[in-house]
């Protein structure tokens, strides 16, 4: 009889532990922080992007903001513009967003940039 109680208690503790992990995973998934950036007007905009992410690429920014038509910047070292265009799943260079750089972003309509 004692072994039966021990087994029951162990199973109950395991179920409580597993349920606790599942509940915490649900709450952490729902607490995702969305950082909003500047207001962008329809057409061409020049902005600095302050992201909450350590690394943010142009493609990710376009996925979060599907109204972006293109994002580009001028690379003075290469002496040319680098860009990513939001057509056919993305064309161009999927570059890393630098917080200290000014980007030209064209949007289809007025939006608040999500970073």
N, C-alpha and C. Protein backbone atom coordinates (compact mmCIF):
# COMPACT_ATOMS: atom_id res chain seq x y z
N UNK A 1 0.82 -1.20 0.00
CA UNK A 1 0.00 0.00 0.00
C UNK A 1 0.86 1.26 0.00
N UNK A 2 1.97 1.23 0.69
CA UNK A 2 2.84 2.38 0.76
C UNK A 2 3.45 2.69 -0.61
N UNK A 3 3.79 1.64 -1.36
CA UNK A 3 4.34 1.85 -2.71
C UNK A 3 3.30 2.49 -3.62
N UNK A 4 2.06 2.15 -3.44
CA UNK A 4 0.98 2.73 -4.24
C UNK A 4 0.84 4.22 -3.97
N UNK A 5 0.96 4.63 -2.69
CA UNK A 5 0.88 6.05 -2.34
C UNK A 5 2.06 6.82 -2.92
N UNK A 6 3.25 6.24 -2.82
CA UNK A 6 4.45 6.89 -3.35
C UNK A 6 4.31 7.08 -4.86
N UNK A 7 3.85 6.05 -5.53
CA UNK A 7 3.69 6.12 -6.98
C UNK A 7 2.66 7.20 -7.35
N UNK A 8 1.55 7.24 -6.61
CA UNK A 8 0.51 8.24 -6.86
C UNK A 8 1.06 9.65 -6.66
N UNK A 9 1.79 9.87 -5.60
CA UNK A 9 2.35 11.19 -5.30
C UNK A 9 3.36 11.59 -6.37
N UNK A 10 4.22 10.67 -6.81
CA UNK A 10 5.19 10.96 -7.86
C UNK A 10 4.51 11.32 -9.18
N UNK A 11 3.48 10.59 -9.54
CA UNK A 11 2.74 10.86 -10.77
C UNK A 11 2.05 12.22 -10.67
N UNK A 12 1.43 12.50 -9.52
CA UNK A 12 0.75 13.78 -9.34
C UNK A 12 1.73 14.94 -9.43
N UNK A 13 2.91 14.81 -8.80
CA UNK A 13 3.92 15.86 -8.86
C UNK A 13 4.43 16.06 -10.29
N UNK A 14 4.62 14.97 -11.01
CA UNK A 14 5.08 15.07 -12.40
C UNK A 14 4.05 15.79 -13.26
N UNK A 15 2.76 15.48 -13.07
CA UNK A 15 1.70 16.15 -13.84
C UNK A 15 1.62 17.64 -13.50
N UNK A 16 1.77 17.98 -12.23
CA UNK A 16 1.75 19.39 -11.83
C UNK A 16 2.93 20.12 -12.45
N UNK A 17 4.11 19.49 -12.45
CA UNK A 17 5.31 20.09 -13.02
C UNK A 17 5.13 20.33 -14.52
N UNK A 18 4.64 19.34 -15.24
CA UNK A 18 4.43 19.45 -16.68
C UNK A 18 3.38 20.52 -16.99
N UNK A 19 2.30 20.57 -16.22
CA UNK A 19 1.26 21.58 -16.43
C UNK A 19 1.82 22.98 -16.19
N UNK A 20 2.67 23.12 -15.19
CA UNK A 20 3.28 24.42 -14.90
C UNK A 20 4.16 24.90 -16.04
N UNK A 21 4.92 24.00 -16.64
CA UNK A 21 5.77 24.36 -17.78
C UNK A 21 4.91 24.78 -18.96
N UNK A 22 3.82 24.06 -19.23
CA UNK A 22 2.94 24.39 -20.35
C UNK A 22 2.29 25.75 -20.16
N UNK A 23 1.83 26.03 -18.95
CA UNK A 23 1.18 27.32 -18.68
C UNK A 23 2.18 28.46 -18.81
N UNK A 24 3.41 28.28 -18.30
CA UNK A 24 4.40 29.36 -18.40
C UNK A 24 4.79 29.60 -19.86
N UNK A 25 4.82 28.56 -20.67
CA UNK A 25 5.14 28.73 -22.09
C UNK A 25 4.04 29.51 -22.80
N UNK A 26 2.79 29.25 -22.43
CA UNK A 26 1.67 29.98 -23.04
C UNK A 26 1.75 31.45 -22.68
N UNK A 27 2.00 31.76 -21.40
CA UNK A 27 2.06 33.16 -20.98
C UNK A 27 3.25 33.88 -21.60
N UNK A 28 4.41 33.23 -21.69
CA UNK A 28 5.56 33.90 -22.27
C UNK A 28 5.37 34.15 -23.76
N UNK A 29 4.66 33.29 -24.46
CA UNK A 29 4.40 33.50 -25.88
C UNK A 29 3.46 34.68 -26.09
N UNK A 30 2.54 34.89 -25.16
CA UNK A 30 1.59 35.99 -25.29
C UNK A 30 2.16 37.33 -24.83
N UNK A 31 3.30 37.35 -24.18
CA UNK A 31 3.89 38.57 -23.66
C UNK A 31 4.97 39.12 -24.58
N UNK A 32 4.92 38.82 -25.85
CA UNK A 32 5.91 39.30 -26.80
C UNK A 32 5.81 40.82 -26.91
N UNK A 33 6.93 41.48 -26.81
CA UNK A 33 6.96 42.94 -26.85
C UNK A 33 7.11 43.40 -28.29
N UNK A 34 6.25 44.30 -28.69
CA UNK A 34 6.33 44.88 -30.03
C UNK A 34 6.76 46.33 -29.87
N UNK A 35 7.88 46.67 -30.46
CA UNK A 35 8.39 48.03 -30.40
C UNK A 35 7.93 48.77 -31.64
N UNK A 36 7.30 49.91 -31.44
CA UNK A 36 6.89 50.70 -32.58
C UNK A 36 7.86 51.85 -32.78
N UNK A 37 8.16 52.11 -34.01
CA UNK A 37 9.10 53.15 -34.36
C UNK A 37 8.39 54.38 -34.88
N UNK A 38 9.02 55.07 -35.78
CA UNK A 38 8.46 56.33 -36.28
C UNK A 38 7.26 56.12 -37.20
N UNK A 39 6.47 57.17 -37.33
CA UNK A 39 5.37 57.20 -38.29
C UNK A 39 5.96 57.42 -39.66
N UNK A 40 5.59 56.58 -40.61
CA UNK A 40 6.06 56.73 -41.98
C UNK A 40 4.89 57.16 -42.86
N UNK A 41 5.12 58.15 -43.69
CA UNK A 41 4.11 58.64 -44.62
C UNK A 41 4.21 57.85 -45.92
N UNK A 42 3.12 57.77 -46.65
CA UNK A 42 3.11 57.08 -47.94
C UNK A 42 4.21 57.65 -48.82
N UNK A 43 5.00 56.76 -49.42
CA UNK A 43 6.10 57.18 -50.27
C UNK A 43 7.43 57.08 -49.55
N UNK A 44 8.36 57.95 -49.92
CA UNK A 44 9.74 57.91 -49.43
C UNK A 44 9.90 58.57 -48.06
N UNK A 45 10.62 57.90 -47.16
CA UNK A 45 10.90 58.40 -45.81
C UNK A 45 12.37 58.15 -45.49
N UNK A 46 12.97 59.03 -44.70
CA UNK A 46 14.34 58.85 -44.21
C UNK A 46 14.29 58.70 -42.70
N UNK A 47 14.74 57.54 -42.20
CA UNK A 47 14.61 57.26 -40.76
C UNK A 47 15.82 56.51 -40.22
N UNK A 48 16.03 56.66 -38.91
CA UNK A 48 16.92 55.79 -38.15
C UNK A 48 16.03 54.78 -37.45
N UNK A 49 16.45 53.53 -37.40
CA UNK A 49 15.63 52.47 -36.85
C UNK A 49 16.24 52.00 -35.53
N UNK A 50 15.50 52.18 -34.45
CA UNK A 50 15.92 51.69 -33.14
C UNK A 50 15.11 50.45 -32.81
N UNK A 51 15.73 49.29 -32.93
CA UNK A 51 15.05 48.03 -32.73
C UNK A 51 15.30 47.49 -31.33
N UNK A 52 14.35 46.71 -30.82
CA UNK A 52 14.53 46.05 -29.54
C UNK A 52 15.34 44.76 -29.71
N UNK A 53 15.51 44.31 -30.94
CA UNK A 53 16.26 43.09 -31.22
C UNK A 53 17.75 43.40 -31.34
N UNK A 54 18.58 42.46 -30.92
CA UNK A 54 20.03 42.63 -31.07
C UNK A 54 20.41 42.65 -32.54
N UNK A 55 19.78 41.77 -33.31
CA UNK A 55 20.04 41.68 -34.74
C UNK A 55 18.71 41.76 -35.47
N UNK A 56 18.61 42.67 -36.42
CA UNK A 56 17.42 42.80 -37.24
C UNK A 56 17.87 42.99 -38.68
N UNK A 57 17.39 42.12 -39.54
CA UNK A 57 17.74 42.19 -40.96
C UNK A 57 16.61 42.85 -41.75
N UNK A 58 16.95 43.34 -42.92
CA UNK A 58 15.98 44.02 -43.78
C UNK A 58 14.77 43.13 -44.07
N UNK A 59 15.00 41.87 -44.35
CA UNK A 59 13.90 40.95 -44.65
C UNK A 59 12.95 40.83 -43.47
N UNK A 60 13.49 40.75 -42.25
CA UNK A 60 12.65 40.65 -41.05
C UNK A 60 11.82 41.91 -40.86
N UNK A 61 12.44 43.06 -41.13
CA UNK A 61 11.72 44.33 -41.01
C UNK A 61 10.56 44.38 -42.00
N UNK A 62 10.79 43.90 -43.22
CA UNK A 62 9.73 43.88 -44.24
C UNK A 62 8.63 42.89 -43.86
N UNK A 63 9.00 41.77 -43.27
CA UNK A 63 7.99 40.79 -42.83
C UNK A 63 7.11 41.40 -41.75
N UNK A 64 7.71 42.14 -40.82
CA UNK A 64 6.95 42.78 -39.74
C UNK A 64 6.13 43.96 -40.25
N UNK A 65 6.55 44.54 -41.37
CA UNK A 65 5.89 45.71 -41.96
C UNK A 65 5.65 45.46 -43.44
N UNK A 66 4.62 44.69 -43.79
CA UNK A 66 4.42 44.30 -45.20
C UNK A 66 4.10 45.46 -46.14
N UNK A 67 3.80 46.64 -45.62
CA UNK A 67 3.54 47.79 -46.48
C UNK A 67 4.82 48.47 -46.95
N UNK A 68 5.98 47.99 -46.50
CA UNK A 68 7.25 48.53 -47.00
C UNK A 68 7.43 48.06 -48.44
N UNK A 69 7.73 49.00 -49.32
CA UNK A 69 8.02 48.66 -50.72
C UNK A 69 9.50 48.35 -50.89
N UNK A 70 10.35 49.18 -50.27
CA UNK A 70 11.78 48.92 -50.29
C UNK A 70 12.44 49.63 -49.11
N UNK A 71 13.63 49.14 -48.75
CA UNK A 71 14.46 49.78 -47.74
C UNK A 71 15.88 49.81 -48.29
N UNK A 72 16.54 50.95 -48.18
CA UNK A 72 17.89 51.07 -48.71
C UNK A 72 18.71 52.06 -47.89
N UNK A 73 20.01 52.03 -48.12
CA UNK A 73 20.93 52.99 -47.50
C UNK A 73 22.12 53.17 -48.43
N UNK A 74 22.84 54.26 -48.22
CA UNK A 74 24.03 54.53 -49.03
C UNK A 74 25.26 54.05 -48.27
N UNK A 75 26.04 53.16 -48.90
CA UNK A 75 27.28 52.66 -48.31
C UNK A 75 28.43 53.48 -48.87
N UNK A 76 28.99 54.35 -48.03
CA UNK A 76 30.05 55.26 -48.49
C UNK A 76 31.35 54.51 -48.82
N UNK A 77 31.57 53.36 -48.17
CA UNK A 77 32.77 52.58 -48.47
C UNK A 77 32.69 51.97 -49.87
N UNK A 78 31.53 51.41 -50.20
CA UNK A 78 31.33 50.81 -51.53
C UNK A 78 30.94 51.85 -52.57
N UNK A 79 30.58 53.04 -52.11
CA UNK A 79 30.16 54.14 -52.98
C UNK A 79 28.94 53.77 -53.83
N UNK A 80 27.95 53.11 -53.15
CA UNK A 80 26.71 52.76 -53.84
C UNK A 80 25.60 52.51 -52.83
N UNK A 81 24.38 52.50 -53.33
CA UNK A 81 23.22 52.20 -52.49
C UNK A 81 23.03 50.70 -52.38
N UNK A 82 22.67 50.26 -51.19
CA UNK A 82 22.36 48.86 -50.92
C UNK A 82 20.87 48.81 -50.60
N UNK A 83 20.15 47.89 -51.22
CA UNK A 83 18.71 47.88 -51.00
C UNK A 83 18.09 46.50 -50.96
N UNK A 84 16.89 46.46 -50.39
CA UNK A 84 16.08 45.26 -50.32
C UNK A 84 14.67 45.65 -50.75
N UNK A 85 14.15 45.00 -51.79
CA UNK A 85 12.84 45.32 -52.35
C UNK A 85 11.85 44.24 -51.98
N UNK A 86 10.67 44.65 -51.57
CA UNK A 86 9.63 43.72 -51.11
C UNK A 86 8.77 43.25 -52.28
N UNK A 87 9.35 42.45 -53.18
CA UNK A 87 8.62 41.79 -54.26
C UNK A 87 9.14 40.37 -54.40
N UNK A 88 8.28 39.46 -54.81
CA UNK A 88 8.66 38.06 -55.05
C UNK A 88 9.40 37.44 -53.86
N UNK A 89 8.99 37.77 -52.65
CA UNK A 89 9.63 37.21 -51.46
C UNK A 89 10.90 37.95 -51.07
N UNK A 90 11.23 39.02 -51.74
CA UNK A 90 12.38 39.84 -51.40
C UNK A 90 13.50 39.73 -52.41
N UNK A 91 13.90 40.87 -52.94
CA UNK A 91 15.00 40.93 -53.91
C UNK A 91 16.02 41.93 -53.41
N UNK A 92 17.27 41.60 -53.55
CA UNK A 92 18.34 42.51 -53.13
C UNK A 92 19.15 41.92 -51.99
N UNK A 93 19.81 42.80 -51.27
CA UNK A 93 20.69 42.39 -50.17
C UNK A 93 19.92 42.40 -48.86
N UNK A 94 19.91 41.27 -48.18
CA UNK A 94 19.28 41.17 -46.86
C UNK A 94 20.29 41.63 -45.81
N UNK A 95 20.45 42.95 -45.68
CA UNK A 95 21.48 43.52 -44.83
C UNK A 95 21.02 43.66 -43.38
N UNK A 96 22.00 43.75 -42.49
CA UNK A 96 21.76 43.95 -41.06
C UNK A 96 21.44 45.41 -40.82
N UNK A 97 20.38 45.67 -40.07
CA UNK A 97 19.99 47.05 -39.74
C UNK A 97 20.94 47.58 -38.67
N UNK A 98 21.52 48.75 -38.94
CA UNK A 98 22.43 49.42 -38.02
C UNK A 98 21.69 50.60 -37.39
N UNK A 99 21.70 50.68 -36.07
CA UNK A 99 20.97 51.74 -35.37
C UNK A 99 21.51 53.14 -35.66
N UNK A 100 22.74 53.24 -36.12
CA UNK A 100 23.36 54.55 -36.35
C UNK A 100 23.27 55.00 -37.81
N UNK A 101 22.56 54.27 -38.62
CA UNK A 101 22.50 54.58 -40.05
C UNK A 101 21.11 55.12 -40.42
N UNK A 102 21.07 56.01 -41.38
CA UNK A 102 19.80 56.54 -41.90
C UNK A 102 19.39 55.69 -43.10
N UNK A 103 18.14 55.26 -43.10
CA UNK A 103 17.61 54.42 -44.18
C UNK A 103 16.54 55.17 -44.95
N UNK A 104 16.48 54.86 -46.23
CA UNK A 104 15.38 55.34 -47.05
C UNK A 104 14.38 54.19 -47.14
N UNK A 105 13.16 54.46 -46.68
CA UNK A 105 12.12 53.44 -46.68
C UNK A 105 10.91 53.99 -47.41
N UNK A 106 10.45 53.26 -48.40
CA UNK A 106 9.24 53.64 -49.11
C UNK A 106 8.11 52.71 -48.69
N UNK A 107 6.95 53.30 -48.38
CA UNK A 107 5.80 52.51 -47.93
C UNK A 107 4.59 52.80 -48.82
N UNK A 108 3.69 51.82 -48.90
CA UNK A 108 2.49 51.91 -49.74
C UNK A 108 1.45 52.87 -49.18
N UNK A 109 1.42 52.99 -47.85
CA UNK A 109 0.44 53.85 -47.17
C UNK A 109 1.06 54.33 -45.87
N UNK A 110 0.44 55.25 -45.17
CA UNK A 110 0.93 55.73 -43.89
C UNK A 110 0.90 54.58 -42.88
N UNK A 111 2.03 54.38 -42.18
CA UNK A 111 2.12 53.31 -41.18
C UNK A 111 2.96 53.78 -39.99
N UNK A 112 2.84 53.04 -38.90
CA UNK A 112 3.78 53.17 -37.79
C UNK A 112 4.71 51.98 -37.91
N UNK A 113 6.00 52.25 -38.04
CA UNK A 113 6.97 51.20 -38.25
C UNK A 113 7.07 50.30 -37.03
N UNK A 114 6.98 49.00 -37.23
CA UNK A 114 7.15 48.02 -36.16
C UNK A 114 8.57 47.50 -36.24
N UNK A 115 9.29 47.61 -35.12
CA UNK A 115 10.69 47.15 -35.11
C UNK A 115 10.82 46.09 -34.05
